[in-house]
Amino acid sequence: MLYMNAVFEFLTEAKVELSRVNWPTRKQVVHFTILVAAISVVVAIFLGSLDFLFSFLVERFLIR
């Protein structure tokens, strides 16, 4: 019974805290999603080009 009261109290407090959250607008969510996707693509291109460069250098100068 003690555990049920603790669970109920936790859920009640969680609901109160969630009502205090400053939720982003739909426009903000779309904007940040596009930003994260763009940064991910840029980082992937950067890391892919480094991988290509190092692979080329290893094949060219170390593996003959």
PDB file of N, CA and C in Angstrom:
ATOM      1  N   MET A   1       0.821  -1.195   0.000  1.00  0.00           N
ATOM      2  CA  MET A   1       0.000   0.000   0.000  1.00  0.00           C
ATOM      3  C   MET A   1       0.864   1.257   0.000  1.00  0.00           C
ATOM      4  N   LEU A   2       1.981   1.202   0.703  1.00  0.00           N
ATOM      5  CA  LEU A   2       2.884   2.335   0.767  1.00  0.00           C
ATOM      6  C   LEU A   2       3.439   2.662  -0.609  1.00  0.00           C
ATOM      7  N   TYR A   3       3.738   1.617  -1.386  1.00  0.00           N
ATOM      8  CA  TYR A   3       4.290   1.828  -2.714  1.00  0.00           C
ATOM      9  C   TYR A   3       3.261   2.460  -3.653  1.00  0.00           C
ATOM     10  N   MET A   4       2.006   2.093  -3.500  1.00  0.00           N
ATOM     11  CA  MET A   4       0.958   2.660  -4.349  1.00  0.00           C
ATOM     12  C   MET A   4       0.822   4.156  -4.084  1.00  0.00           C
ATOM     13  N   ASN A   5       0.913   4.567  -2.834  1.00  0.00           N
ATOM     14  CA  ASN A   5       0.840   5.991  -2.515  1.00  0.00           C
ATOM     15  C   ASN A   5       2.024   6.739  -3.114  1.00  0.00           C
ATOM     16  N   ALA A   6       3.202   6.128  -3.064  1.00  0.00           N
ATOM     17  CA  ALA A   6       4.386   6.771  -3.622  1.00  0.00           C
ATOM     18  C   ALA A   6       4.252   6.905  -5.137  1.00  0.00           C
ATOM     19  N   VAL A   7       3.735   5.880  -5.796  1.00  0.00           N
ATOM     20  CA  VAL A   7       3.543   5.940  -7.245  1.00  0.00           C
ATOM     21  C   VAL A   7       2.511   7.003  -7.593  1.00  0.00           C
ATOM     22  N   PHE A   8       1.424   7.039  -6.868  1.00  0.00           N
ATOM     23  CA  PHE A   8       0.379   8.033  -7.120  1.00  0.00           C
ATOM     24  C   PHE A   8       0.916   9.447  -6.903  1.00  0.00           C
ATOM     25  N   GLU A   9       1.697   9.639  -5.847  1.00  0.00           N
ATOM     26  CA  GLU A   9       2.278  10.948  -5.572  1.00  0.00           C
ATOM     27  C   GLU A   9       3.254  11.359  -6.675  1.00  0.00           C
ATOM     28  N   PHE A  10       4.060  10.405  -7.128  1.00  0.00           N
ATOM     29  CA  PHE A  10       4.999  10.683  -8.219  1.00  0.00           C
ATOM     30  C   PHE A  10       4.252  11.111  -9.476  1.00  0.00           C
ATOM     31  N   LEU A  11       3.215  10.377  -9.851  1.00  0.00           N
ATOM     32  CA  LEU A  11       2.465  10.711 -11.061  1.00  0.00           C
ATOM     33  C   LEU A  11       1.781  12.065 -10.950  1.00  0.00           C
ATOM     34  N   THR A  12       1.284  12.381  -9.775  1.00  0.00           N
ATOM     35  CA  THR A  12       0.642  13.679  -9.560  1.00  0.00           C
ATOM     36  C   THR A  12       1.659  14.808  -9.704  1.00  0.00           C
ATOM     37  N   GLU A  13       2.837  14.631  -9.108  1.00  0.00           N
ATOM     38  CA  GLU A  13       3.873  15.656  -9.210  1.00  0.00           C
ATOM     39  C   GLU A  13       4.392  15.781 -10.649  1.00  0.00           C
ATOM     40  N   ALA A  14       4.483  14.661 -11.349  1.00  0.00           N
ATOM     41  CA  ALA A  14       4.933  14.703 -12.744  1.00  0.00           C
ATOM     42  C   ALA A  14       3.941  15.479 -13.600  1.00  0.00           C
ATOM     43  N   LYS A  15       2.662  15.276 -13.359  1.00  0.00           N
ATOM     44  CA  LYS A  15       1.636  16.007 -14.113  1.00  0.00           C
ATOM     45  C   LYS A  15       1.734  17.506 -13.849  1.00  0.00           C
ATOM     46  N   VAL A  16       1.977  17.888 -12.609  1.00  0.00           N
ATOM     47  CA  VAL A  16       2.119  19.307 -12.263  1.00  0.00           C
ATOM     48  C   VAL A  16       3.344  19.885 -12.967  1.00  0.00           C
ATOM     49  N   GLU A  17       4.458  19.167 -12.940  1.00  0.00           N
ATOM     50  CA  GLU A  17       5.680  19.659 -13.593  1.00  0.00           C
ATOM     51  C   GLU A  17       5.488  19.780 -15.105  1.00  0.00           C
ATOM     52  N   LEU A  18       4.802  18.828 -15.715  1.00  0.00           N
ATOM     53  CA  LEU A  18       4.565  18.892 -17.154  1.00  0.00           C
ATOM     54  C   LEU A  18       3.679  20.077 -17.532  1.00  0.00           C
ATOM     55  N   SER A  19       2.814  20.494 -16.628  1.00  0.00           N
ATOM     56  CA  SER A  19       1.975  21.660 -16.923  1.00  0.00           C
ATOM     57  C   SER A  19       2.788  22.950 -16.867  1.00  0.00           C
ATOM     58  N   ARG A  20       3.944  22.927 -16.195  1.00  0.00           N
ATOM     59  CA  ARG A  20       4.804  24.110 -16.095  1.00  0.00           C
ATOM     60  C   ARG A  20       5.782  24.229 -17.264  1.00  0.00           C
ATOM     61  N   VAL A  21       5.908  23.189 -18.057  1.00  0.00           N
ATOM     62  CA  VAL A  21       6.880  23.186 -19.149  1.00  0.00           C
ATOM     63  C   VAL A  21       6.483  24.195 -20.216  1.00  0.00           C
ATOM     64  N   ASN A  22       7.468  24.925 -20.710  1.00  0.00           N
ATOM     65  CA  ASN A  22       7.248  25.867 -21.800  1.00  0.00           C
ATOM     66  C   ASN A  22       7.454  25.103 -23.109  1.00  0.00           C
ATOM     67  N   TRP A  23       6.389  24.533 -23.647  1.00  0.00           N
ATOM     68  CA  TRP A  23       6.478  23.698 -24.834  1.00  0.00           C
ATOM     69  C   TRP A  23       6.735  24.556 -26.076  1.00  0.00           C
ATOM     70  N   PRO A  24       7.584  24.059 -27.000  1.00  0.00           N
ATOM     71  CA  PRO A  24       7.853  24.826 -28.223  1.00  0.00           C
ATOM     72  C   PRO A  24       6.640  24.815 -29.152  1.00  0.00           C
ATOM     73  N   THR A  25       6.573  25.839 -29.994  1.00  0.00           N
ATOM     74  CA  THR A  25       5.491  25.891 -30.970  1.00  0.00           C
ATOM     75  C   THR A  25       5.790  24.936 -32.114  1.00  0.00           C
ATOM     76  N   ARG A  26       4.808  24.694 -32.942  1.00  0.00           N
ATOM     77  CA  ARG A  26       5.000  23.805 -34.092  1.00  0.00           C
ATOM     78  C   ARG A  26       6.074  24.373 -35.026  1.00  0.00           C
ATOM     79  N   LYS A  27       6.062  25.687 -35.208  1.00  0.00           N
ATOM     80  CA  LYS A  27       7.046  26.337 -36.072  1.00  0.00           C
ATOM     81  C   LYS A  27       8.461  26.135 -35.524  1.00  0.00           C
ATOM     82  N   GLN A  28       8.636  26.246 -34.209  1.00  0.00           N
ATOM     83  CA  GLN A  28       9.939  26.033 -33.600  1.00  0.00           C
ATOM     84  C   GLN A  28      10.403  24.586 -33.766  1.00  0.00           C
ATOM     85  N   VAL A  29       9.502  23.659 -33.590  1.00  0.00           N
ATOM     86  CA  VAL A  29       9.852  22.242 -33.723  1.00  0.00           C
ATOM     87  C   VAL A  29      10.315  21.948 -35.144  1.00  0.00           C
ATOM     88  N   VAL A  30       9.597  22.456 -36.131  1.00  0.00           N
ATOM     89  CA  VAL A  30       9.980  22.241 -37.530  1.00  0.00           C
ATOM     90  C   VAL A  30      11.336  22.892 -37.796  1.00  0.00           C
ATOM     91  N   HIS A  31      11.533  24.113 -37.318  1.00  0.00           N
ATOM     92  CA  HIS A  31      12.788  24.836 -37.522  1.00  0.00           C
ATOM     93  C   HIS A  31      13.968  24.062 -36.926  1.00  0.00           C
ATOM     94  N   PHE A  32      13.844  23.627 -35.692  1.00  0.00           N
ATOM     95  CA  PHE A  32      14.937  22.913 -35.029  1.00  0.00           C
ATOM     96  C   PHE A  32      15.169  21.538 -35.646  1.00  0.00           C
ATOM     97  N   THR A  33      14.116  20.894 -36.123  1.00  0.00           N
ATOM     98  CA  THR A  33      14.277  19.600 -36.790  1.00  0.00           C
ATOM     99  C   THR A  33      15.073  19.760 -38.077  1.00  0.00           C
ATOM    100  N   ILE A  34      14.746  20.776 -38.856  1.00  0.00           N
ATOM    101  CA  ILE A  34      15.489  21.037 -40.098  1.00  0.00           C
ATOM    102  C   ILE A  34      16.941  21.387 -39.768  1.00  0.00           C
ATOM    103  N   LEU A  35      17.159  22.179 -38.726  1.00  0.00           N
ATOM    104  CA  LEU A  35      18.506  22.548 -38.315  1.00  0.00           C
ATOM    105  C   LEU A  35      19.326  21.318 -37.924  1.00  0.00           C
ATOM    106  N   VAL A  36      18.752  20.431 -37.145  1.00  0.00           N
ATOM    107  CA  VAL A  36      19.457  19.213 -36.733  1.00  0.00           C
ATOM    108  C   VAL A  36      19.763  18.335 -37.938  1.00  0.00           C
ATOM    109  N   ALA A  37      18.818  18.199 -38.858  1.00  0.00           N
ATOM    110  CA  ALA A  37      19.050  17.390 -40.053  1.00  0.00           C
ATOM    111  C   ALA A  37      20.160  17.989 -40.911  1.00  0.00           C
ATOM    112  N   ALA A  38      20.173  19.304 -41.057  1.00  0.00           N
ATOM    113  CA  ALA A  38      21.209  19.961 -41.866  1.00  0.00           C
ATOM    114  C   ALA A  38      22.586  19.798 -41.231  1.00  0.00           C
ATOM    115  N   ILE A  39      22.675  19.988 -39.944  1.00  0.00           N
ATOM    116  CA  ILE A  39      23.959  19.809 -39.259  1.00  0.00           C
ATOM    117  C   ILE A  39      24.421  18.357 -39.371  1.00  0.00           C
ATOM    118  N   SER A  40      23.508  17.418 -39.266  1.00  0.00           N
ATOM    119  CA  SER A  40      23.859  15.998 -39.400  1.00  0.00           C
ATOM    120  C   SER A  40      24.413  15.698 -40.780  1.00  0.00           C
ATOM    121  N   VAL A  41      23.808  16.264 -41.817  1.00  0.00           N
ATOM    122  CA  VAL A  41      24.290  16.050 -43.185  1.00  0.00           C
ATOM    123  C   VAL A  41      25.684  16.657 -43.359  1.00  0.00           C
ATOM    124  N   VAL A  42      25.899  17.861 -42.840  1.00  0.00           N
ATOM    125  CA  VAL A  42      27.210  18.511 -42.953  1.00  0.00           C
ATOM    126  C   VAL A  42      28.280  17.691 -42.231  1.00  0.00           C
ATOM    127  N   VAL A  43      27.991  17.227 -41.037  1.00  0.00           N
ATOM    128  CA  VAL A  43      28.952  16.413 -40.291  1.00  0.00           C
ATOM    129  C   VAL A  43      29.213  15.092 -41.014  1.00  0.00           C
ATOM    130  N   ALA A  44      28.184  14.479 -41.572  1.00  0.00           N
ATOM    131  CA  ALA A  44      28.362  13.229 -42.310  1.00  0.00           C
ATOM    132  C   ALA A  44      29.248  13.436 -43.538  1.00  0.00           C
ATOM    133  N   ILE A  45      29.043  14.524 -44.262  1.00  0.00           N
ATOM    134  CA  ILE A  45      29.881  14.821 -45.429  1.00  0.00           C
ATOM    135  C   ILE A  45      31.325  15.065 -44.991  1.00  0.00           C
ATOM    136  N   PHE A  46      31.511  15.812 -43.915  1.00  0.00           N
ATOM    137  CA  PHE A  46      32.855  16.090 -43.407  1.00  0.00           C
ATOM    138  C   PHE A  46      33.569  14.795 -43.007  1.00  0.00           C
ATOM    139  N   LEU A  47      32.911  13.967 -42.212  1.00  0.00           N
ATOM    140  CA  LEU A  47      33.534  12.715 -41.766  1.00  0.00           C
ATOM    141  C   LEU A  47      33.746  11.751 -42.930  1.00  0.00           C
ATOM    142  N   GLY A  48      32.811  11.715 -43.868  1.00  0.00           N
ATOM    143  CA  GLY A  48      32.977  10.872 -45.046  1.00  0.00           C
ATOM    144  C   GLY A  48      34.154  11.301 -45.889  1.00  0.00           C
ATOM    145  N   SER A  49      34.336  12.610 -46.043  1.00  0.00           N
ATOM    146  CA  SER A  49      35.476  13.093 -46.834  1.00  0.00           C
ATOM    147  C   SER A  49      36.796  12.812 -46.118  1.00  0.00           C
ATOM    148  N   LEU A  50      36.837  12.935 -44.791  1.00  0.00           N
ATOM    149  CA  LEU A  50      38.042  12.561 -44.051  1.00  0.00           C
ATOM    150  C   LEU A  50      38.347  11.070 -44.218  1.00  0.00           C
ATOM    151  N   ASP A  51      37.322  10.245 -44.149  1.00  0.00           N
ATOM    152  CA  ASP A  51      37.503   8.803 -44.327  1.00  0.00           C
ATOM    153  C   ASP A  51      38.040   8.507 -45.726  1.00  0.00           C
ATOM    154  N   PHE A  52      37.479   9.146 -46.716  1.00  0.00           N
ATOM    155  CA  PHE A  52      37.944   8.956 -48.086  1.00  0.00           C
ATOM    156  C   PHE A  52      39.401   9.395 -48.232  1.00  0.00           C
ATOM    157  N   LEU A  53      39.739  10.558 -47.672  1.00  0.00           N
ATOM    158  CA  LEU A  53      41.098  11.082 -47.765  1.00  0.00           C
ATOM    159  C   LEU A  53      42.098  10.151 -47.086  1.00  0.00           C
ATOM    160  N   PHE A  54      41.796   9.723 -45.862  1.00  0.00           N
ATOM    161  CA  PHE A  54      42.726   8.845 -45.153  1.00  0.00           C
ATOM    162  C   PHE A  54      42.835   7.486 -45.826  1.00  0.00           C
ATOM    163  N   SER A  55      41.741   6.964 -46.341  1.00  0.00           N
ATOM    164  CA  SER A  55      41.793   5.691 -47.076  1.00  0.00           C
ATOM    165  C   SER A  55      42.663   5.831 -48.319  1.00  0.00           C
ATOM    166  N   PHE A  56      42.510   6.925 -49.032  1.00  0.00           N
ATOM    167  CA  PHE A  56      43.321   7.176 -50.225  1.00  0.00           C
ATOM    168  C   PHE A  56      44.800   7.262 -49.857  1.00  0.00           C
ATOM    169  N   LEU A  57      45.108   8.008 -48.799  1.00  0.00           N
ATOM    170  CA  LEU A  57      46.499   8.162 -48.386  1.00  0.00           C
ATOM    171  C   LEU A  57      47.119   6.844 -47.925  1.00  0.00           C
ATOM    172  N   VAL A  58      46.361   6.032 -47.198  1.00  0.00           N
ATOM    173  CA  VAL A  58      46.867   4.739 -46.761  1.00  0.00           C
ATOM    174  C   VAL A  58      47.119   3.831 -47.954  1.00  0.00           C
ATOM    175  N   GLU A  59      46.173   3.774 -48.875  1.00  0.00           N
ATOM    176  CA  GLU A  59      46.351   2.932 -50.065  1.00  0.00           C
ATOM    177  C   GLU A  59      47.499   3.435 -50.935  1.00  0.00           C
ATOM    178  N   ARG A  60      47.647   4.721 -51.031  1.00  0.00           N
ATOM    179  CA  ARG A  60      48.667   5.314 -51.909  1.00  0.00           C
ATOM    180  C   ARG A  60      50.085   5.158 -51.346  1.00  0.00           C
ATOM    181  N   PHE A  61      50.259   5.414 -50.037  1.00  0.00           N
ATOM    182  CA  PHE A  61      51.605   5.487 -49.492  1.00  0.00           C
ATOM    183  C   PHE A  61      51.990   4.310 -48.598  1.00  0.00           C
ATOM    184  N   LEU A  62      51.051   3.616 -48.015  1.00  0.00           N
ATOM    185  CA  LEU A  62      51.382   2.516 -47.112  1.00  0.00           C
ATOM    186  C   LEU A  62      51.189   1.149 -47.744  1.00  0.00           C
ATOM    187  N   ILE A  63      50.200   1.012 -48.583  1.00  0.00           N
ATOM    188  CA  ILE A  63      49.939  -0.268 -49.253  1.00  0.00           C
ATOM    189  C   ILE A  63      50.334  -0.117 -50.702  1.00  0.00           C
ATOM    190  N   ARG A  64      51.448  -0.778 -51.057  1.00  0.00           N
ATOM    191  CA  ARG A  64      51.942  -0.639 -52.438  1.00  0.00           C
ATOM    192  C   ARG A  64      51.823  -1.914 -53.178  1.00  0.00           C
TER     193      ARG A  64
END
